[in-house]
C-alpha atoms as a PDB file:
ATOM      1  CA  UNK A   1     105.214 -22.760  64.813  1.00  0.00           C
ATOM      2  CA  UNK A   2     102.871 -20.182  63.370  1.00  0.00           C
ATOM      3  CA  UNK A   3      99.381 -21.084  62.253  1.00  0.00           C
ATOM      4  CA  UNK A   4     100.322 -20.283  58.662  1.00  0.00           C
ATOM      5  CA  UNK A   5     103.309 -22.631  58.785  1.00  0.00           C
ATOM      6  CA  UNK A   6     101.203 -25.363  60.393  1.00  0.00           C
ATOM      7  CA  UNK A   7      98.614 -25.005  57.643  1.00  0.00           C
ATOM      8  CA  UNK A   8     101.253 -25.065  54.910  1.00  0.00           C
ATOM      9  CA  UNK A   9     102.984 -28.125  56.361  1.00  0.00           C
ATOM     10  CA  UNK A  10      99.636 -29.908  56.599  1.00  0.00           C
ATOM     11  CA  UNK A  11      99.052 -29.085  52.914  1.00  0.00           C
ATOM     12  CA  UNK A  12     102.472 -30.493  51.976  1.00  0.00           C
ATOM     13  CA  UNK A  13     101.844 -33.719  53.865  1.00  0.00           C
ATOM     14  CA  UNK A  14      98.355 -34.071  52.347  1.00  0.00           C
ATOM     15  CA  UNK A  15      99.752 -33.481  48.853  1.00  0.00           C
ATOM     16  CA  UNK A  16     102.416 -36.132  49.415  1.00  0.00           C
ATOM     17  CA  UNK A  17      99.802 -38.589  50.699  1.00  0.00           C
ATOM     18  CA  UNK A  18      97.765 -37.966  47.548  1.00  0.00           C
ATOM     19  CA  UNK A  19     100.860 -38.492  45.408  1.00  0.00           C
ATOM     20  CA  UNK A  20     101.606 -41.758  47.225  1.00  0.00           C
ATOM     21  CA  UNK A  21      98.079 -42.949  46.543  1.00  0.00           C
ATOM     22  CA  UNK A  22      98.384 -41.971  42.858  1.00  0.00           C
ATOM     23  CA  UNK A  23     101.810 -43.611  42.620  1.00  0.00           C
ATOM     24  CA  UNK A  24     100.400 -46.791  44.136  1.00  0.00           C
ATOM     25  CA  UNK A  25      97.645 -46.849  41.496  1.00  0.00           C
ATOM     26  CA  UNK A  26     100.146 -46.262  38.686  1.00  0.00           C
ATOM     27  CA  UNK A  27     102.416 -49.015  39.998  1.00  0.00           C
ATOM     28  CA  UNK A  28      99.518 -51.459  40.082  1.00  0.00           C
ATOM     29  CA  UNK A  29      98.323 -50.519  36.600  1.00  0.00           C
ATOM     30  CA  UNK A  30     101.871 -50.819  35.222  1.00  0.00           C
ATOM     31  CA  UNK A  31     102.213 -54.392  36.462  1.00  0.00           C
ATOM     32  CA  UNK A  32     100.202 -55.700  33.488  1.00  0.00           C
ATOM     33  CA  UNK A  33     102.748 -54.200  31.086  1.00  0.00           C
ATOM     34  CA  UNK A  34     105.611 -55.584  33.172  1.00  0.00           C
ATOM     35  CA  UNK A  35     103.971 -59.031  33.234  1.00  0.00           C
ATOM     36  CA  UNK A  36     103.475 -58.926  29.477  1.00  0.00           C
ATOM     37  CA  UNK A  37     107.102 -57.946  28.880  1.00  0.00           C
ATOM     38  CA  UNK A  38     106.379 -56.888  25.305  1.00  0.00           C
ATOM     39  CA  UNK A  39     106.778 -53.210  26.112  1.00  0.00           C
ATOM     40  CA  UNK A  40     109.401 -51.394  28.124  1.00  0.00           C
ATOM     41  CA  UNK A  41     106.849 -48.737  29.066  1.00  0.00           C
ATOM     42  CA  UNK A  42     105.675 -50.632  32.145  1.00  0.00           C
ATOM     43  CA  UNK A  43     109.224 -50.970  33.403  1.00  0.00           C
ATOM     44  CA  UNK A  44     109.912 -47.288  32.706  1.00  0.00           C
ATOM     45  CA  UNK A  45     106.876 -46.168  34.688  1.00  0.00           C
ATOM     46  CA  UNK A  46     107.711 -48.493  37.573  1.00  0.00           C
ATOM     47  CA  UNK A  47     111.322 -47.296  37.636  1.00  0.00           C
ATOM     48  CA  UNK A  48     110.321 -43.630  37.464  1.00  0.00           C
ATOM     49  CA  UNK A  49     107.917 -43.951  40.389  1.00  0.00           C
ATOM     50  CA  UNK A  50     110.400 -45.956  42.462  1.00  0.00           C
ATOM     51  CA  UNK A  51     113.142 -43.405  41.773  1.00  0.00           C
ATOM     52  CA  UNK A  52     110.861 -40.549  42.780  1.00  0.00           C
ATOM     53  CA  UNK A  53     109.932 -42.349  45.996  1.00  0.00           C
ATOM     54  CA  UNK A  54     113.588 -42.886  46.851  1.00  0.00           C
ATOM     55  CA  UNK A  55     114.053 -39.136  46.564  1.00  0.00           C
ATOM     56  CA  UNK A  56     111.062 -38.146  48.638  1.00  0.00           C
ATOM     57  CA  UNK A  57     110.665 -40.919  51.215  1.00  0.00           C
ATOM     58  CA  UNK A  58     113.152 -39.471  53.696  1.00  0.00           C
ATOM     59  CA  UNK A  59     111.970 -35.936  53.094  1.00  0.00           C
ATOM     60  CA  UNK A  60     108.492 -36.864  54.300  1.00  0.00           C
ATOM     61  CA  UNK A  61     109.570 -39.257  57.028  1.00  0.00           C
ATOM     62  CA  UNK A  62     108.627 -42.417  55.118  1.00  0.00           C
ATOM     63  CA  UNK A  63     111.895 -44.231  55.701  1.00  0.00           C
ATOM     64  CA  UNK A  64     110.170 -47.607  55.398  1.00  0.00           C
ATOM     65  CA  UNK A  65     109.503 -46.869  51.704  1.00  0.00           C
ATOM     66  CA  UNK A  66     113.133 -46.186  50.852  1.00  0.00           C
ATOM     67  CA  UNK A  67     114.511 -49.723  50.707  1.00  0.00           C
ATOM     68  CA  UNK A  68     111.622 -51.283  48.743  1.00  0.00           C
ATOM     69  CA  UNK A  69     111.679 -48.366  46.287  1.00  0.00           C
ATOM     70  CA  UNK A  70     115.470 -48.675  45.870  1.00  0.00           C
ATOM     71  CA  UNK A  71     115.077 -52.403  45.314  1.00  0.00           C
ATOM     72  CA  UNK A  72     112.519 -51.868  42.546  1.00  0.00           C
ATOM     73  CA  UNK A  73     114.655 -49.199  40.912  1.00  0.00           C
ATOM     74  CA  UNK A  74     117.783 -51.386  40.964  1.00  0.00           C
ATOM     75  CA  UNK A  75     115.928 -54.432  39.685  1.00  0.00           C
ATOM     76  CA  UNK A  76     114.603 -52.540  36.693  1.00  0.00           C
ATOM     77  CA  UNK A  77     118.036 -50.996  36.036  1.00  0.00           C
ATOM     78  CA  UNK A  78     119.663 -54.448  36.126  1.00  0.00           C
ATOM     79  CA  UNK A  79     117.040 -56.032  33.876  1.00  0.00           C
ATOM     80  CA  UNK A  80     115.780 -58.448  36.515  1.00  0.00           C
ATOM     81  CA  UNK A  81     113.200 -61.028  35.581  1.00  0.00           C
ATOM     82  CA  UNK A  82     109.686 -59.589  35.358  1.00  0.00           C
ATOM     83  CA  UNK A  83     108.386 -61.908  38.088  1.00  0.00           C
ATOM     84  CA  UNK A  84     111.009 -60.570  40.526  1.00  0.00           C
ATOM     85  CA  UNK A  85     110.175 -56.983  39.621  1.00  0.00           C
ATOM     86  CA  UNK A  86     106.482 -57.705  40.140  1.00  0.00           C
ATOM     87  CA  UNK A  87     107.189 -59.220  43.554  1.00  0.00           C
ATOM     88  CA  UNK A  88     109.255 -56.161  44.545  1.00  0.00           C
ATOM     89  CA  UNK A  89     106.569 -53.776  43.281  1.00  0.00           C
ATOM     90  CA  UNK A  90     103.936 -55.655  45.288  1.00  0.00           C
ATOM     91  CA  UNK A  91     106.077 -55.226  48.419  1.00  0.00           C
ATOM     92  CA  UNK A  92     106.412 -51.508  47.696  1.00  0.00           C
ATOM     93  CA  UNK A  93     102.651 -51.198  47.172  1.00  0.00           C
ATOM     94  CA  UNK A  94     102.036 -52.943  50.516  1.00  0.00           C
ATOM     95  CA  UNK A  95     104.395 -50.518  52.251  1.00  0.00           C
ATOM     96  CA  UNK A  96     102.651 -47.555  50.639  1.00  0.00           C
ATOM     97  CA  UNK A  97      99.300 -48.944  51.815  1.00  0.00           C
ATOM     98  CA  UNK A  98     100.613 -49.276  55.383  1.00  0.00           C
ATOM     99  CA  UNK A  99     101.995 -45.731  55.337  1.00  0.00           C
ATOM    100  CA  UNK A 100      98.709 -44.325  54.084  1.00  0.00           C
ATOM    101  CA  UNK A 101      96.692 -46.374  56.572  1.00  0.00           C
ATOM    102  CA  UNK A 102      98.686 -45.061  59.512  1.00  0.00           C
ATOM    103  CA  UNK A 103      98.821 -41.562  58.048  1.00  0.00           C
ATOM    104  CA  UNK A 104     101.869 -39.422  57.541  1.00  0.00           C
ATOM    105  CA  UNK A 105     103.132 -37.163  60.265  1.00  0.00           C
ATOM    106  CA  UNK A 106     104.590 -33.734  59.815  1.00  0.00           C
ATOM    107  CA  UNK A 107     108.240 -34.181  58.735  1.00  0.00           C
ATOM    108  CA  UNK A 108     110.909 -33.423  61.331  1.00  0.00           C
ATOM    109  CA  UNK A 109     112.564 -30.846  59.099  1.00  0.00           C
ATOM    110  CA  UNK A 110     109.434 -28.707  59.289  1.00  0.00           C
ATOM    111  CA  UNK A 111     109.500 -28.855  63.076  1.00  0.00           C
ATOM    112  CA  UNK A 112     113.182 -27.878  63.149  1.00  0.00           C
ATOM    113  CA  UNK A 113     112.563 -25.006  60.758  1.00  0.00           C
ATOM    114  CA  UNK A 114     109.847 -23.559  62.967  1.00  0.00           C
ATOM    115  CA  UNK A 115     112.135 -23.290  65.997  1.00  0.00           C
END
């Protein structure tokens, strides 16, 4: 892998880590609206973030985020009780925290591309 490709892949991983951290903050701040239940905005934000994580988790090697994000997305789509959605969001937030604590590795697809 060239130095330029290594640098670019490191930038992509760092940008995704930053997005995960931002998404985690948005999920947490949206929980108040979900708890309140008077506005659908909290549910919309939670669903949007979960959907986006489903799409990007595998791409960046965060397979452990896929199932909790899918669960949140499906719960919101099905109109699950707010307390169940909150519990699922908390699980997703914990998984994001663990992923960020360990640190993300360079995705396999970048390694394969370099060969």
